[in-house]
N, C-alpha and C. Protein backbone atom coordinates (compact mmCIF):
# COMPACT_ATOMS: atom_id res chain seq x y z
N UNK A 1 167.44 45.91 40.92
CA UNK A 1 166.43 46.13 41.93
C UNK A 1 166.16 47.63 42.02
N UNK A 2 164.91 47.99 42.11
CA UNK A 2 164.52 49.39 42.24
C UNK A 2 164.00 49.63 43.66
N UNK A 3 164.55 50.65 44.29
CA UNK A 3 164.10 51.06 45.62
C UNK A 3 163.47 52.44 45.50
N UNK A 4 162.25 52.55 45.93
CA UNK A 4 161.54 53.82 45.91
C UNK A 4 161.80 54.53 47.25
N UNK A 5 162.59 55.57 47.18
CA UNK A 5 163.01 56.27 48.39
C UNK A 5 161.82 56.83 49.15
N UNK A 6 160.82 57.32 48.42
CA UNK A 6 159.62 57.85 49.07
C UNK A 6 158.96 56.79 49.95
N UNK A 7 158.91 55.55 49.47
CA UNK A 7 158.30 54.46 50.25
C UNK A 7 159.15 54.09 51.46
N UNK A 8 160.46 54.27 51.36
CA UNK A 8 161.35 53.93 52.47
C UNK A 8 161.42 55.01 53.54
N UNK A 9 161.44 56.30 53.11
CA UNK A 9 161.67 57.36 54.09
C UNK A 9 160.68 58.51 54.01
N UNK A 10 159.83 58.54 52.99
CA UNK A 10 158.87 59.63 52.86
C UNK A 10 159.39 60.74 51.97
N UNK A 11 158.77 61.90 52.07
CA UNK A 11 159.13 63.00 51.16
C UNK A 11 160.36 63.78 51.60
N UNK A 12 160.88 63.50 52.79
CA UNK A 12 162.07 64.18 53.30
C UNK A 12 163.19 63.16 53.53
N UNK A 13 164.19 63.19 52.68
CA UNK A 13 165.35 62.31 52.83
C UNK A 13 166.46 63.15 53.43
N UNK A 14 166.44 63.27 54.77
CA UNK A 14 167.36 64.22 55.40
C UNK A 14 168.17 63.66 56.57
N UNK A 15 167.72 62.62 57.21
CA UNK A 15 168.38 62.18 58.44
C UNK A 15 169.38 61.05 58.21
N UNK A 16 170.28 60.91 59.17
CA UNK A 16 171.23 59.80 59.15
C UNK A 16 170.49 58.46 59.24
N UNK A 17 169.46 58.40 60.07
CA UNK A 17 168.69 57.16 60.20
C UNK A 17 168.04 56.75 58.88
N UNK A 18 167.49 57.74 58.16
CA UNK A 18 166.88 57.44 56.86
C UNK A 18 167.94 56.96 55.87
N UNK A 19 169.08 57.62 55.87
CA UNK A 19 170.17 57.20 54.99
C UNK A 19 170.66 55.80 55.32
N UNK A 20 170.76 55.50 56.61
CA UNK A 20 171.20 54.17 57.04
C UNK A 20 170.20 53.11 56.59
N UNK A 21 168.92 53.44 56.67
CA UNK A 21 167.87 52.51 56.23
C UNK A 21 168.05 52.15 54.76
N UNK A 22 168.34 53.15 53.94
CA UNK A 22 168.56 52.90 52.51
C UNK A 22 169.84 52.10 52.32
N UNK A 23 170.91 52.50 52.99
CA UNK A 23 172.18 51.77 52.91
C UNK A 23 171.99 50.28 53.25
N UNK A 24 171.30 50.01 54.34
CA UNK A 24 171.09 48.63 54.76
C UNK A 24 170.36 47.80 53.70
N UNK A 25 169.50 48.45 52.93
CA UNK A 25 168.77 47.76 51.87
C UNK A 25 169.66 47.51 50.65
N UNK A 26 170.42 48.51 50.24
CA UNK A 26 171.13 48.41 48.96
C UNK A 26 172.53 47.82 49.06
N UNK A 27 173.18 47.94 50.19
CA UNK A 27 174.55 47.47 50.33
C UNK A 27 174.72 46.00 49.95
N UNK A 28 173.91 45.08 50.47
CA UNK A 28 174.09 43.67 50.10
C UNK A 28 173.89 43.44 48.59
N UNK A 29 172.95 44.14 48.00
CA UNK A 29 172.71 44.00 46.56
C UNK A 29 173.93 44.43 45.75
N UNK A 30 174.49 45.57 46.11
CA UNK A 30 175.65 46.09 45.40
C UNK A 30 176.88 45.22 45.61
N UNK A 31 177.07 44.72 46.83
CA UNK A 31 178.20 43.82 47.10
C UNK A 31 178.12 42.57 46.25
N UNK A 32 176.90 42.12 45.99
CA UNK A 32 176.70 40.92 45.17
C UNK A 32 176.80 41.23 43.67
N UNK A 33 177.00 42.49 43.33
CA UNK A 33 177.15 42.87 41.93
C UNK A 33 175.84 43.11 41.20
N UNK A 34 174.75 43.25 41.95
CA UNK A 34 173.44 43.48 41.35
C UNK A 34 173.22 44.98 41.13
N UNK A 35 172.69 45.36 39.97
CA UNK A 35 172.39 46.78 39.76
C UNK A 35 171.26 47.25 40.67
N UNK A 36 171.35 48.49 41.09
CA UNK A 36 170.36 49.08 41.99
C UNK A 36 169.97 50.45 41.44
N UNK A 37 168.68 50.73 41.49
CA UNK A 37 168.17 52.06 41.15
C UNK A 37 167.51 52.64 42.39
N UNK A 38 167.88 53.87 42.70
CA UNK A 38 167.22 54.60 43.78
C UNK A 38 166.30 55.63 43.12
N UNK A 39 165.02 55.37 43.19
CA UNK A 39 164.02 56.23 42.56
C UNK A 39 163.56 57.28 43.56
N UNK A 40 163.83 58.54 43.27
CA UNK A 40 163.52 59.63 44.18
C UNK A 40 162.19 60.32 43.85
N UNK A 41 161.35 59.68 43.06
CA UNK A 41 160.05 60.26 42.74
C UNK A 41 159.28 60.54 44.02
N UNK A 42 158.76 61.76 44.16
CA UNK A 42 157.98 62.14 45.32
C UNK A 42 158.77 62.68 46.49
N UNK A 43 160.09 62.56 46.43
CA UNK A 43 160.94 63.09 47.51
C UNK A 43 161.15 64.57 47.25
N UNK A 44 160.80 65.39 48.23
CA UNK A 44 160.84 66.84 48.04
C UNK A 44 162.04 67.52 48.70
N UNK A 45 162.52 66.94 49.79
CA UNK A 45 163.62 67.58 50.52
C UNK A 45 164.75 66.56 50.67
N UNK A 46 165.96 67.01 50.32
CA UNK A 46 167.15 66.16 50.39
C UNK A 46 168.22 66.87 51.22
N UNK A 47 169.03 66.08 51.92
CA UNK A 47 170.12 66.67 52.71
C UNK A 47 171.38 65.83 52.57
N UNK A 48 172.50 66.51 52.74
CA UNK A 48 173.79 65.86 52.64
C UNK A 48 173.92 64.71 53.64
N UNK A 49 173.45 64.89 54.84
CA UNK A 49 173.55 63.85 55.86
C UNK A 49 172.93 62.54 55.38
N UNK A 50 171.76 62.64 54.77
CA UNK A 50 171.10 61.45 54.21
C UNK A 50 172.03 60.75 53.21
N UNK A 51 172.59 61.51 52.27
CA UNK A 51 173.44 60.93 51.23
C UNK A 51 174.75 60.39 51.80
N UNK A 52 175.28 61.03 52.84
CA UNK A 52 176.49 60.50 53.47
C UNK A 52 176.25 59.09 54.00
N UNK A 53 175.12 58.88 54.62
CA UNK A 53 174.82 57.56 55.18
C UNK A 53 174.33 56.58 54.12
N UNK A 54 173.51 57.03 53.20
CA UNK A 54 172.95 56.13 52.19
C UNK A 54 173.98 55.73 51.14
N UNK A 55 174.79 56.68 50.69
CA UNK A 55 175.69 56.46 49.57
C UNK A 55 177.16 56.51 49.97
N UNK A 56 177.55 57.52 50.73
CA UNK A 56 178.96 57.73 51.05
C UNK A 56 179.63 56.52 51.66
N UNK A 57 178.97 55.88 52.61
CA UNK A 57 179.62 54.76 53.28
C UNK A 57 179.69 53.50 52.42
N UNK A 58 179.03 53.49 51.27
CA UNK A 58 179.18 52.37 50.33
C UNK A 58 180.63 52.25 49.86
N UNK A 59 181.33 53.38 49.85
CA UNK A 59 182.70 53.39 49.35
C UNK A 59 183.68 52.73 50.31
N UNK A 60 183.22 52.31 51.48
CA UNK A 60 184.09 51.55 52.39
C UNK A 60 184.58 50.29 51.71
N UNK A 61 183.69 49.61 50.98
CA UNK A 61 184.06 48.31 50.43
C UNK A 61 183.57 48.08 49.00
N UNK A 62 183.16 49.14 48.33
CA UNK A 62 182.79 49.06 46.91
C UNK A 62 183.56 50.16 46.19
N UNK A 63 184.25 49.79 45.13
CA UNK A 63 185.03 50.80 44.42
C UNK A 63 184.12 51.83 43.76
N UNK A 64 184.64 53.01 43.57
CA UNK A 64 183.87 54.08 42.93
C UNK A 64 183.46 53.67 41.52
N UNK A 65 184.33 52.96 40.80
CA UNK A 65 183.99 52.51 39.45
C UNK A 65 182.82 51.53 39.48
N UNK A 66 182.86 50.56 40.39
CA UNK A 66 181.74 49.60 40.50
C UNK A 66 180.46 50.31 40.91
N UNK A 67 180.58 51.21 41.85
CA UNK A 67 179.40 51.95 42.30
C UNK A 67 178.79 52.76 41.16
N UNK A 68 179.64 53.37 40.38
CA UNK A 68 179.17 54.16 39.24
C UNK A 68 178.44 53.29 38.21
N UNK A 69 178.88 52.06 38.05
CA UNK A 69 178.25 51.15 37.09
C UNK A 69 176.96 50.55 37.63
N UNK A 70 176.91 50.28 38.92
CA UNK A 70 175.79 49.53 39.50
C UNK A 70 174.66 50.40 40.04
N UNK A 71 174.96 51.62 40.44
CA UNK A 71 173.98 52.44 41.14
C UNK A 71 173.48 53.58 40.26
N UNK A 72 172.18 53.64 40.07
CA UNK A 72 171.55 54.68 39.23
C UNK A 72 170.52 55.44 40.06
N UNK A 73 170.24 56.67 39.62
CA UNK A 73 169.37 57.57 40.36
C UNK A 73 168.29 58.19 39.48
N UNK A 74 167.32 57.41 39.02
CA UNK A 74 166.26 58.04 38.22
C UNK A 74 165.43 58.99 39.08
N UNK A 75 165.01 60.06 38.50
CA UNK A 75 164.13 61.05 39.15
C UNK A 75 164.81 61.79 40.29
N UNK A 76 166.14 61.85 40.30
CA UNK A 76 166.84 62.64 41.30
C UNK A 76 166.91 64.08 40.80
N UNK A 77 166.51 65.00 41.63
CA UNK A 77 166.49 66.42 41.26
C UNK A 77 167.91 66.93 41.03
N UNK A 78 168.01 68.09 40.40
CA UNK A 78 169.32 68.70 40.18
C UNK A 78 169.99 69.03 41.52
N UNK A 79 169.18 69.40 42.51
CA UNK A 79 169.73 69.64 43.85
C UNK A 79 170.34 68.35 44.41
N UNK A 80 169.67 67.23 44.22
CA UNK A 80 170.19 65.95 44.68
C UNK A 80 171.48 65.56 43.97
N UNK A 81 171.54 65.83 42.67
CA UNK A 81 172.76 65.55 41.91
C UNK A 81 173.91 66.40 42.45
N UNK A 82 173.64 67.65 42.75
CA UNK A 82 174.66 68.53 43.31
C UNK A 82 175.18 67.99 44.63
N UNK A 83 174.28 67.51 45.47
CA UNK A 83 174.71 66.93 46.75
C UNK A 83 175.58 65.71 46.51
N UNK A 84 175.15 64.82 45.62
CA UNK A 84 175.94 63.62 45.32
C UNK A 84 177.33 63.97 44.80
N UNK A 85 177.41 65.02 44.00
CA UNK A 85 178.69 65.43 43.44
C UNK A 85 179.65 65.92 44.52
N UNK A 86 179.15 66.26 45.68
CA UNK A 86 180.01 66.64 46.82
C UNK A 86 180.27 65.43 47.73
N UNK A 87 179.24 64.63 47.94
CA UNK A 87 179.34 63.51 48.89
C UNK A 87 180.31 62.45 48.40
N UNK A 88 180.23 62.07 47.15
CA UNK A 88 181.04 60.96 46.66
C UNK A 88 182.55 61.27 46.71
N UNK A 89 183.01 62.40 46.20
CA UNK A 89 184.46 62.67 46.33
C UNK A 89 184.92 62.77 47.79
N UNK A 90 184.08 63.35 48.63
CA UNK A 90 184.42 63.47 50.04
C UNK A 90 184.53 62.09 50.69
N UNK A 91 183.59 61.21 50.38
CA UNK A 91 183.63 59.84 50.94
C UNK A 91 184.82 59.07 50.39
N UNK A 92 185.12 59.23 49.11
CA UNK A 92 186.30 58.56 48.54
C UNK A 92 187.56 58.98 49.28
N UNK A 93 187.70 60.26 49.53
CA UNK A 93 188.89 60.74 50.23
C UNK A 93 188.93 60.19 51.65
N UNK A 94 187.78 60.20 52.32
CA UNK A 94 187.72 59.71 53.70
C UNK A 94 188.14 58.23 53.76
N UNK A 95 187.59 57.40 52.89
CA UNK A 95 187.85 55.96 52.98
C UNK A 95 189.18 55.53 52.38
N UNK A 96 189.75 56.32 51.47
CA UNK A 96 190.97 55.88 50.80
C UNK A 96 192.22 56.67 51.17
N UNK A 97 192.08 57.70 51.96
CA UNK A 97 193.23 58.48 52.42
C UNK A 97 193.27 58.36 53.94
N UNK A 98 194.12 57.44 54.42
CA UNK A 98 194.15 57.13 55.85
C UNK A 98 194.50 58.34 56.70
N UNK A 99 195.42 59.16 56.25
CA UNK A 99 195.80 60.35 57.01
C UNK A 99 194.62 61.31 57.13
N UNK A 100 193.90 61.50 56.05
CA UNK A 100 192.71 62.37 56.08
C UNK A 100 191.66 61.80 57.03
N UNK A 101 191.42 60.49 56.94
CA UNK A 101 190.42 59.85 57.81
C UNK A 101 190.78 60.02 59.28
N UNK A 102 192.04 59.83 59.62
CA UNK A 102 192.46 60.00 61.02
C UNK A 102 192.25 61.43 61.49
N UNK A 103 192.57 62.39 60.61
CA UNK A 103 192.40 63.79 60.98
C UNK A 103 190.92 64.12 61.20
N UNK A 104 190.08 63.65 60.31
CA UNK A 104 188.63 63.90 60.44
C UNK A 104 188.11 63.25 61.72
N UNK A 105 188.48 62.01 61.93
CA UNK A 105 188.01 61.30 63.13
C UNK A 105 188.47 61.99 64.41
N UNK A 106 189.69 62.50 64.40
CA UNK A 106 190.20 63.21 65.58
C UNK A 106 189.41 64.49 65.85
N UNK A 107 189.17 65.25 64.81
CA UNK A 107 188.39 66.48 64.98
C UNK A 107 186.98 66.16 65.47
N UNK A 108 186.36 65.15 64.90
CA UNK A 108 185.00 64.79 65.31
C UNK A 108 184.98 64.32 66.76
N UNK A 109 185.99 63.56 67.17
CA UNK A 109 186.04 63.09 68.56
C UNK A 109 186.20 64.28 69.50
N UNK A 110 187.05 65.24 69.13
CA UNK A 110 187.25 66.44 69.96
C UNK A 110 185.95 67.23 70.07
N UNK A 111 185.26 67.38 68.96
CA UNK A 111 183.99 68.12 68.97
C UNK A 111 182.94 67.40 69.83
N UNK A 112 182.89 66.09 69.72
CA UNK A 112 181.92 65.33 70.51
C UNK A 112 182.21 65.44 72.00
N UNK A 113 183.47 65.52 72.35
CA UNK A 113 183.85 65.62 73.76
C UNK A 113 183.43 66.95 74.38
N UNK A 114 183.26 67.98 73.56
CA UNK A 114 182.88 69.28 74.09
C UNK A 114 181.37 69.46 74.19
N UNK A 115 180.65 68.52 73.68
CA UNK A 115 179.17 68.65 73.72
C UNK A 115 178.62 68.15 75.03
């Protein structure tokens, strides 16, 4: 299945909501073992937050090996590739290292309490 990111979120793929929208579309397909392509043609601005929600949380219940086999990114800019190269290892550590996840969650809760 091919998902055109521009059609889903427009030329700016930057927000958590936009990333969640993409995740909600692709997660069931990937869980079922179907290949997915995220076509970034026409997308001009990318942000880590978008990729954390769209891609990072896939690692909750899909192995990195399966994700690597099933998920492709045609027309992703070099900037987007650089972001993915940071998001995926970070998400893997978060979801598979319980001590790290607890530490991150604690810091985030403390920060939220001060806002």
